[in-house]
């Protein structure tokens, strides 16, 4: 199929927006026979006296979220699916690092995520759109 996507990167954060983005990405992957790459980026703030327990808890919860979404994708018959958990700023890590690592030709993300404060500073989806070297699909909620 001409103009088919081969590697679709999906930003997952547990929000309704990312659920909608995943649904759209599943449909595209089924249509094109693409591999889905699910990524969850967590910001980690180190502080005095931190033993690393907070980061370990974040990592556990992030991996659980990715696994839940991976199983959801598998239920739709898509067998080519990877997951990746990273710590850092999703605005730069997704388009500048991970997209290249997975050779993404499409990044799919929700228009809004869990972090309302980010909307004031500039959304993750807007930053991805500006920085990505591949196509970007921003999926809106019915309420956006």
N, C-alpha and C. Protein backbone atom coordinates (compact mmCIF):
# COMPACT_ATOMS: atom_id res chain seq x y z
N UNK A 1 0.85 -1.18 0.00
CA UNK A 1 0.00 0.00 0.00
C UNK A 1 0.89 1.24 0.00
N UNK A 2 0.68 2.09 -0.96
CA UNK A 2 1.45 3.33 -1.04
C UNK A 2 1.03 4.27 0.09
N UNK A 3 1.98 4.99 0.64
CA UNK A 3 1.77 5.93 1.74
C UNK A 3 1.32 5.25 3.03
N UNK A 4 1.61 3.97 3.17
CA UNK A 4 1.26 3.26 4.40
C UNK A 4 2.30 3.56 5.47
N UNK A 5 1.85 3.64 6.69
CA UNK A 5 2.76 3.82 7.82
C UNK A 5 3.32 2.46 8.22
N UNK A 6 4.59 2.45 8.62
CA UNK A 6 5.24 1.21 9.04
C UNK A 6 5.50 1.17 10.54
N UNK A 7 5.83 2.32 11.11
CA UNK A 7 6.16 2.42 12.53
C UNK A 7 5.42 3.60 13.14
N UNK A 8 4.44 3.27 13.96
CA UNK A 8 3.60 4.29 14.57
C UNK A 8 3.95 4.38 16.06
N UNK A 9 4.39 5.55 16.48
CA UNK A 9 4.74 5.82 17.87
C UNK A 9 3.54 6.46 18.56
N UNK A 10 3.12 5.87 19.68
CA UNK A 10 1.94 6.36 20.39
C UNK A 10 2.35 6.79 21.80
N UNK A 11 2.06 8.05 22.13
CA UNK A 11 2.34 8.58 23.47
C UNK A 11 1.21 8.17 24.41
N UNK A 12 1.58 7.48 25.49
CA UNK A 12 0.62 6.96 26.46
C UNK A 12 0.87 7.64 27.80
N UNK A 13 -0.19 8.24 28.38
CA UNK A 13 -0.02 8.82 29.72
C UNK A 13 -1.16 8.47 30.67
N UNK A 14 -2.08 7.62 30.24
CA UNK A 14 -3.19 7.22 31.10
C UNK A 14 -4.40 8.14 31.01
N UNK A 15 -4.32 9.19 30.22
CA UNK A 15 -5.43 10.13 30.09
C UNK A 15 -6.44 9.63 29.05
N UNK A 16 -7.62 10.23 29.05
CA UNK A 16 -8.62 9.93 28.03
C UNK A 16 -8.08 10.28 26.65
N UNK A 17 -7.32 11.35 26.57
CA UNK A 17 -6.72 11.75 25.30
C UNK A 17 -5.79 10.69 24.74
N UNK A 18 -4.97 10.08 25.60
CA UNK A 18 -4.07 9.05 25.11
C UNK A 18 -4.82 7.76 24.78
N UNK A 19 -5.92 7.49 25.47
CA UNK A 19 -6.77 6.34 25.11
C UNK A 19 -7.34 6.53 23.71
N UNK A 20 -7.82 7.74 23.43
CA UNK A 20 -8.35 8.03 22.09
C UNK A 20 -7.26 7.95 21.03
N UNK A 21 -6.07 8.42 21.37
CA UNK A 21 -4.94 8.35 20.44
C UNK A 21 -4.60 6.90 20.14
N UNK A 22 -4.61 6.06 21.16
CA UNK A 22 -4.30 4.64 20.97
C UNK A 22 -5.34 3.97 20.07
N UNK A 23 -6.60 4.29 20.27
CA UNK A 23 -7.65 3.72 19.43
C UNK A 23 -7.43 4.10 17.96
N UNK A 24 -7.12 5.35 17.72
CA UNK A 24 -6.85 5.82 16.35
C UNK A 24 -5.62 5.10 15.78
N UNK A 25 -4.58 4.97 16.60
CA UNK A 25 -3.35 4.31 16.15
C UNK A 25 -3.58 2.83 15.84
N UNK A 26 -4.40 2.17 16.65
CA UNK A 26 -4.74 0.76 16.39
C UNK A 26 -5.40 0.62 15.02
N UNK A 27 -6.35 1.49 14.73
CA UNK A 27 -7.04 1.45 13.43
C UNK A 27 -6.06 1.68 12.28
N UNK A 28 -5.17 2.62 12.44
CA UNK A 28 -4.17 2.88 11.40
C UNK A 28 -3.21 1.70 11.23
N UNK A 29 -2.78 1.12 12.35
CA UNK A 29 -1.86 -0.02 12.29
C UNK A 29 -2.52 -1.22 11.61
N UNK A 30 -3.78 -1.45 11.92
CA UNK A 30 -4.50 -2.55 11.27
C UNK A 30 -4.62 -2.30 9.77
N UNK A 31 -4.93 -1.08 9.39
CA UNK A 31 -5.08 -0.72 7.98
C UNK A 31 -3.77 -0.90 7.21
N UNK A 32 -2.67 -0.45 7.85
CA UNK A 32 -1.39 -0.40 7.14
C UNK A 32 -0.46 -1.57 7.46
N UNK A 33 -0.82 -2.40 8.44
CA UNK A 33 0.09 -3.48 8.84
C UNK A 33 1.31 -2.95 9.56
N UNK A 34 1.14 -1.86 10.30
CA UNK A 34 2.26 -1.18 10.97
C UNK A 34 2.56 -1.79 12.34
N UNK A 35 3.77 -1.54 12.80
CA UNK A 35 4.16 -1.85 14.17
C UNK A 35 3.78 -0.66 15.04
N UNK A 36 3.21 -0.95 16.21
CA UNK A 36 2.90 0.10 17.17
C UNK A 36 3.99 0.14 18.24
N UNK A 37 4.47 1.33 18.53
CA UNK A 37 5.47 1.55 19.56
C UNK A 37 4.82 2.43 20.64
N UNK A 38 4.53 1.86 21.78
CA UNK A 38 3.89 2.59 22.87
C UNK A 38 4.97 3.16 23.77
N UNK A 39 4.88 4.44 24.07
CA UNK A 39 5.89 5.09 24.91
C UNK A 39 5.21 5.87 26.02
N UNK A 40 5.79 5.75 27.20
CA UNK A 40 5.32 6.50 28.36
C UNK A 40 6.52 7.24 28.93
N UNK A 41 6.43 8.56 28.99
CA UNK A 41 7.51 9.39 29.51
C UNK A 41 7.10 9.91 30.88
N UNK A 42 7.99 9.72 31.84
CA UNK A 42 7.72 10.18 33.20
C UNK A 42 8.75 11.22 33.59
N UNK A 43 8.27 12.30 34.15
CA UNK A 43 9.20 13.30 34.67
C UNK A 43 9.56 12.89 36.09
N UNK A 44 10.83 12.96 36.40
CA UNK A 44 11.31 12.55 37.72
C UNK A 44 12.04 13.72 38.36
N UNK A 45 11.65 14.02 39.56
CA UNK A 45 12.29 15.11 40.29
C UNK A 45 13.05 14.53 41.47
N UNK A 46 14.36 14.69 41.44
CA UNK A 46 15.18 14.21 42.53
C UNK A 46 15.17 15.27 43.63
N UNK A 47 15.20 14.83 44.85
CA UNK A 47 15.19 15.77 45.97
C UNK A 47 16.08 15.22 47.09
N UNK A 48 16.48 16.11 47.97
CA UNK A 48 17.38 15.73 49.06
C UNK A 48 16.75 14.62 49.90
N UNK A 49 17.55 13.62 50.21
CA UNK A 49 17.07 12.53 51.05
C UNK A 49 16.35 11.43 50.27
N UNK A 50 16.21 11.60 48.97
CA UNK A 50 15.53 10.59 48.17
C UNK A 50 16.38 9.33 48.08
N UNK A 51 15.79 8.21 48.40
CA UNK A 51 16.51 6.93 48.35
C UNK A 51 16.32 6.22 47.01
N UNK A 52 15.54 6.81 46.14
CA UNK A 52 15.25 6.16 44.86
C UNK A 52 13.93 5.42 44.88
N UNK A 53 13.28 5.36 46.02
CA UNK A 53 12.01 4.63 46.12
C UNK A 53 10.92 5.27 45.28
N UNK A 54 10.92 6.59 45.21
CA UNK A 54 9.90 7.28 44.41
C UNK A 54 10.05 6.91 42.94
N UNK A 55 11.28 6.93 42.46
CA UNK A 55 11.52 6.60 41.06
C UNK A 55 11.15 5.14 40.77
N UNK A 56 11.45 4.25 41.68
CA UNK A 56 11.10 2.84 41.50
C UNK A 56 9.58 2.66 41.45
N UNK A 57 8.87 3.40 42.28
CA UNK A 57 7.41 3.33 42.27
C UNK A 57 6.86 3.88 40.95
N UNK A 58 7.41 5.02 40.51
CA UNK A 58 7.00 5.58 39.23
C UNK A 58 7.25 4.59 38.10
N UNK A 59 8.40 3.97 38.12
CA UNK A 59 8.78 3.01 37.07
C UNK A 59 7.81 1.82 37.06
N UNK A 60 7.48 1.32 38.24
CA UNK A 60 6.53 0.20 38.35
C UNK A 60 5.18 0.58 37.78
N UNK A 61 4.67 1.75 38.17
CA UNK A 61 3.36 2.20 37.68
C UNK A 61 3.39 2.45 36.17
N UNK A 62 4.47 3.04 35.68
CA UNK A 62 4.61 3.29 34.25
C UNK A 62 4.63 2.00 33.44
N UNK A 63 5.36 1.01 33.93
CA UNK A 63 5.42 -0.28 33.23
C UNK A 63 4.07 -0.99 33.26
N UNK A 64 3.34 -0.86 34.37
CA UNK A 64 1.99 -1.44 34.45
C UNK A 64 1.06 -0.79 33.43
N UNK A 65 1.15 0.54 33.29
CA UNK A 65 0.33 1.25 32.31
C UNK A 65 0.66 0.79 30.89
N UNK A 66 1.94 0.68 30.58
CA UNK A 66 2.34 0.23 29.25
C UNK A 66 1.88 -1.20 28.98
N UNK A 67 2.01 -2.07 29.96
CA UNK A 67 1.60 -3.47 29.77
C UNK A 67 0.10 -3.58 29.56
N UNK A 68 -0.67 -2.81 30.31
CA UNK A 68 -2.13 -2.79 30.13
C UNK A 68 -2.48 -2.38 28.69
N UNK A 69 -1.82 -1.36 28.20
CA UNK A 69 -2.09 -0.88 26.85
C UNK A 69 -1.56 -1.84 25.78
N UNK A 70 -0.43 -2.50 26.05
CA UNK A 70 0.09 -3.51 25.12
C UNK A 70 -0.91 -4.65 24.97
N UNK A 71 -1.46 -5.12 26.07
CA UNK A 71 -2.47 -6.20 26.03
C UNK A 71 -3.71 -5.74 25.27
N UNK A 72 -4.09 -4.49 25.46
CA UNK A 72 -5.24 -3.92 24.73
C UNK A 72 -4.99 -3.98 23.22
N UNK A 73 -3.80 -3.61 22.81
CA UNK A 73 -3.43 -3.65 21.38
C UNK A 73 -3.48 -5.09 20.87
N UNK A 74 -2.92 -6.03 21.63
CA UNK A 74 -2.90 -7.43 21.22
C UNK A 74 -4.32 -7.98 21.02
N UNK A 75 -5.26 -7.50 21.83
CA UNK A 75 -6.66 -7.94 21.71
C UNK A 75 -7.26 -7.57 20.35
N UNK A 76 -6.67 -6.59 19.68
CA UNK A 76 -7.14 -6.18 18.36
C UNK A 76 -6.41 -6.90 17.23
N UNK A 77 -5.60 -7.89 17.58
CA UNK A 77 -4.93 -8.70 16.58
C UNK A 77 -3.64 -8.11 16.05
N UNK A 78 -3.16 -7.06 16.66
CA UNK A 78 -1.87 -6.48 16.24
C UNK A 78 -0.79 -7.15 17.08
N UNK A 79 0.10 -7.86 16.42
CA UNK A 79 1.12 -8.61 17.15
C UNK A 79 2.45 -7.87 17.22
N UNK A 80 2.63 -6.90 16.35
CA UNK A 80 3.87 -6.12 16.34
C UNK A 80 3.68 -4.88 17.21
N UNK A 81 4.04 -5.01 18.48
CA UNK A 81 3.88 -3.90 19.42
C UNK A 81 5.05 -3.91 20.40
N UNK A 82 5.63 -2.75 20.61
CA UNK A 82 6.72 -2.60 21.57
C UNK A 82 6.32 -1.57 22.61
N UNK A 83 6.99 -1.60 23.75
CA UNK A 83 6.76 -0.60 24.80
C UNK A 83 8.09 -0.02 25.24
N UNK A 84 8.03 1.23 25.68
CA UNK A 84 9.24 1.90 26.15
C UNK A 84 8.86 2.90 27.23
N UNK A 85 9.57 2.83 28.34
CA UNK A 85 9.40 3.76 29.44
C UNK A 85 10.67 4.59 29.53
N UNK A 86 10.51 5.90 29.60
CA UNK A 86 11.65 6.82 29.72
C UNK A 86 11.35 7.84 30.81
N UNK A 87 12.40 8.36 31.39
CA UNK A 87 12.28 9.47 32.33
C UNK A 87 12.81 10.72 31.65
N UNK A 88 12.10 11.83 31.77
CA UNK A 88 12.54 13.08 31.19
C UNK A 88 11.36 13.91 30.73
N UNK A 89 11.62 14.82 29.82
CA UNK A 89 10.59 15.72 29.31
C UNK A 89 10.03 15.17 28.01
N UNK A 90 8.73 14.82 27.99
CA UNK A 90 8.13 14.23 26.78
C UNK A 90 8.17 15.16 25.57
N UNK A 91 8.22 16.47 25.82
CA UNK A 91 8.25 17.43 24.71
C UNK A 91 9.46 17.25 23.82
N UNK A 92 10.56 16.83 24.40
CA UNK A 92 11.77 16.65 23.60
C UNK A 92 12.10 15.18 23.37
N UNK A 93 11.88 14.34 24.36
CA UNK A 93 12.26 12.93 24.24
C UNK A 93 11.48 12.22 23.13
N UNK A 94 10.18 12.47 23.03
CA UNK A 94 9.37 11.76 22.04
C UNK A 94 9.81 12.10 20.61
N UNK A 95 9.81 13.38 20.22
CA UNK A 95 10.15 13.65 18.82
C UNK A 95 11.63 13.59 18.49
N UNK A 96 12.49 13.91 19.45
CA UNK A 96 13.92 14.02 19.15
C UNK A 96 14.72 12.76 19.43
N UNK A 97 14.21 11.89 20.29
CA UNK A 97 14.97 10.69 20.64
C UNK A 97 14.24 9.41 20.21
N UNK A 98 13.08 9.18 20.81
CA UNK A 98 12.41 7.90 20.60
C UNK A 98 11.91 7.73 19.18
N UNK A 99 11.40 8.77 18.57
CA UNK A 99 10.92 8.65 17.18
C UNK A 99 12.03 8.14 16.27
N UNK A 100 13.25 8.61 16.47
CA UNK A 100 14.38 8.15 15.68
C UNK A 100 14.77 6.72 16.01
N UNK A 101 14.72 6.37 17.28
CA UNK A 101 15.09 5.01 17.71
C UNK A 101 14.19 3.95 17.09
N UNK A 102 12.90 4.26 16.92
CA UNK A 102 11.97 3.27 16.38
C UNK A 102 11.68 3.51 14.90
N UNK A 103 12.38 4.49 14.31
CA UNK A 103 12.17 4.83 12.90
C UNK A 103 10.70 5.18 12.62
N UNK A 104 10.12 5.97 13.52
CA UNK A 104 8.70 6.32 13.41
C UNK A 104 8.44 7.14 12.16
N UNK A 105 7.38 6.78 11.45
CA UNK A 105 6.92 7.61 10.34
C UNK A 105 5.61 8.32 10.70
N UNK A 106 5.10 8.03 11.91
CA UNK A 106 3.93 8.73 12.44
C UNK A 106 4.00 8.71 13.96
N UNK A 107 3.74 9.87 14.57
CA UNK A 107 3.58 9.97 16.02
C UNK A 107 2.11 10.32 16.27
N UNK A 108 1.48 9.56 17.15
CA UNK A 108 0.08 9.80 17.50
C UNK A 108 0.01 10.14 18.98
N UNK A 109 -0.66 11.25 19.29
CA UNK A 109 -0.83 11.63 20.70
C UNK A 109 -2.14 12.36 20.88
N UNK A 110 -2.59 12.40 22.12
CA UNK A 110 -3.81 13.12 22.45
C UNK A 110 -3.57 14.61 22.47
N UNK A 111 -4.63 15.36 22.19
CA UNK A 111 -4.52 16.83 22.21
C UNK A 111 -4.29 17.33 23.63
N UNK A 112 -4.84 16.63 24.60
CA UNK A 112 -4.64 17.00 26.00
C UNK A 112 -4.29 15.75 26.78
N UNK A 113 -3.45 15.93 27.78
CA UNK A 113 -3.03 14.81 28.62
C UNK A 113 -3.46 15.03 30.05
N UNK A 114 -2.72 14.42 30.96
CA UNK A 114 -3.06 14.49 32.38
C UNK A 114 -2.63 15.78 33.04
N UNK A 115 -1.63 16.45 32.52
CA UNK A 115 -1.02 17.57 33.20
C UNK A 115 -1.63 18.91 32.74
N UNK A 116 -2.56 19.43 33.52
CA UNK A 116 -3.21 20.70 33.18
C UNK A 116 -2.22 21.86 33.21
N UNK A 117 -1.21 21.80 34.08
CA UNK A 117 -0.21 22.86 34.17
C UNK A 117 0.55 23.00 32.86
N UNK A 118 0.77 21.88 32.16
CA UNK A 118 1.47 21.92 30.88
C UNK A 118 0.74 22.79 29.86
N UNK A 119 -0.57 22.85 29.94
CA UNK A 119 -1.32 23.68 28.99
C UNK A 119 -0.94 25.14 29.09
N UNK A 120 -0.61 25.57 30.30
CA UNK A 120 -0.20 26.96 30.50
C UNK A 120 1.17 27.19 29.86
N UNK A 121 2.07 26.24 30.04
CA UNK A 121 3.44 26.38 29.54
C UNK A 121 3.57 26.01 28.06
N UNK A 122 2.58 25.37 27.51
CA UNK A 122 2.64 24.89 26.13
C UNK A 122 2.51 23.39 26.13
N UNK A 123 1.61 22.88 25.36
CA UNK A 123 1.29 21.47 25.43
C UNK A 123 2.37 20.58 24.84
N UNK A 124 2.38 19.35 25.29
CA UNK A 124 3.29 18.34 24.77
C UNK A 124 3.00 18.11 23.29
N UNK A 125 1.72 18.01 22.95
CA UNK A 125 1.36 17.73 21.54
C UNK A 125 1.83 18.86 20.62
N UNK A 126 1.73 20.10 21.06
CA UNK A 126 2.20 21.22 20.23
C UNK A 126 3.71 21.16 20.05
N UNK A 127 4.43 20.82 21.11
CA UNK A 127 5.89 20.70 21.01
C UNK A 127 6.30 19.57 20.08
N UNK A 128 5.60 18.44 20.18
CA UNK A 128 5.89 17.31 19.29
C UNK A 128 5.67 17.72 17.84
N UNK A 129 4.58 18.41 17.58
CA UNK A 129 4.27 18.85 16.22
C UNK A 129 5.38 19.74 15.66
N UNK A 130 5.90 20.64 16.49
CA UNK A 130 6.97 21.54 16.03
C UNK A 130 8.30 20.84 15.81
N UNK A 131 8.59 19.80 16.59
CA UNK A 131 9.91 19.19 16.58
C UNK A 131 10.04 17.92 15.75
N UNK A 132 8.95 17.24 15.50
CA UNK A 132 9.01 15.93 14.85
C UNK A 132 9.48 16.03 13.39
N UNK A 133 10.22 15.03 12.97
CA UNK A 133 10.67 14.93 11.58
C UNK A 133 9.76 14.02 10.76
N UNK A 134 8.70 13.51 11.38
CA UNK A 134 7.75 12.64 10.70
C UNK A 134 6.35 13.23 10.85
N UNK A 135 5.36 12.55 10.28
CA UNK A 135 3.98 13.00 10.44
C UNK A 135 3.56 12.91 11.90
N UNK A 136 2.65 13.80 12.29
CA UNK A 136 2.10 13.80 13.65
C UNK A 136 0.59 13.89 13.55
N UNK A 137 -0.09 13.01 14.29
CA UNK A 137 -1.54 13.04 14.36
C UNK A 137 -1.94 13.36 15.78
N UNK A 138 -2.63 14.49 15.95
CA UNK A 138 -3.14 14.92 17.24
C UNK A 138 -4.61 14.53 17.30
N UNK A 139 -4.96 13.67 18.27
CA UNK A 139 -6.32 13.16 18.39
C UNK A 139 -7.04 13.94 19.47
N UNK A 140 -8.16 14.50 19.10
CA UNK A 140 -8.94 15.32 20.03
C UNK A 140 -9.99 14.47 20.75
N UNK A 141 -10.31 14.88 21.98
CA UNK A 141 -11.45 14.33 22.71
C UNK A 141 -12.69 15.05 22.23
N UNK A 142 -13.84 14.48 22.48
CA UNK A 142 -15.09 15.13 22.11
C UNK A 142 -15.24 16.46 22.83
N UNK A 143 -14.59 16.61 23.99
CA UNK A 143 -14.72 17.83 24.80
C UNK A 143 -13.63 18.85 24.54
N UNK A 144 -12.63 18.52 23.70
CA UNK A 144 -11.52 19.46 23.42
C UNK A 144 -12.01 20.63 22.58
